[in-house]
Amino acid sequence: MGEKILFVDDEAAALDGYRRILHQQFTLSTAPSGEEGLAAIQTNGPFAVVISDMRMPGMNGSEFLAQVRRRAPDTVRMLLTGHADLDSAIDAVNRGNIYRFLTKPCEKQALVEAIRAGLDQYRTVAAEKEIVKKAELINRLKSGWDRADLSPADSFEETAGLPGPAEAREHLQGQVGAHSHCVVVFIKLNLLQTVEERYGEGAAGGYLRAGAKFLLQAMRREDRLFHWSKDVLIAVVQRHTSPVAVRMEISRLLMEPPQHVLEVNGRRTMIALTTTFDLLPAAQFSTLDEMLAAFDAKLIGNI
């Protein structure tokens, strides 16, 4: 999924063991002390789950996780403790510093299940923040805040070889408010207008088709791509993950855009397929118009 796990323990053998048994299932980092764990969070975070041993010299596990809570409140925190430290672990849980404590030695299956539960908790919190963010955007919209125009053009020459805005609306009507795993992504081809102004409509059409081809190759069979307006595409994707995870997936895809070759008057020019995108979960909205209004309020890439 891309979420990272951090183990903190002063025993090198314990950290080696965690890496050995868990590296194939999770993205794992380790630190040999609370101080170095905090440094790792600062330089390599965010971490979805942090698991710390209780007994460590200097800063113990409970103190370390209390610091984690202040610095990275969304991170799910767990404590590994021996039976002699159970009272301290229970007290830490009751004070709200710890999501869960695990007794040592901890079997692999119990550790895996605890990490998966922690990841679910992390994703739930992230999804709730998306809901709050959406509500704030809707409130700003209702208060008369200026909106970007994301409405489909009344007419435009469809050159991407994709279904257009009418087909997009028809498809989205069945997704909004119904499918909990559906995420709608608006994607703007940032340089399309520049290409058209400099090289003409034919070059712009080729650039648009190249962008559509690049996105289609990265999509899954159940996903759909539509040409919404002149330089805006809509991807409708189905993912059994949080919107945050989908955002990370798309960000990684678009981080290094491919180059497109423009041939104009016998000359070849390289131009990147740069994009701006934003997304919202379809299930959070009652109607398609409500979802489009939320996208408008987000001013995606100054569309």
Foldseek 3Di string as FASTA:
>chain_A
DPAEEEEEALDPVVVVVCCVLPVVPHHYDYYNHLVVVVVCCVPPDDHQEYEYEQDDPPQGQLRSLQVCCVVPVLHAYEYEYEPVCVVVRVVSVVVPSHPYYHYPPDDPVRVVVVVVVSNVSSLVVVQVVLLVVLVVLLVCVVVPPDWFDQAADPDDDDLQPFAEQVVVQVVLQVFAQPDQQKKKKKKFQVCLVVCCVVFNDVQSSVLNNVLVVLVVVPADPPKGKYHYYDGMIMIIHGDPGHPVVVVVVVCVSQVAFDWDWGQGPNDTDTDGRHMWMDMDRRSSDDGPVSVVSSVRSVCTVVD
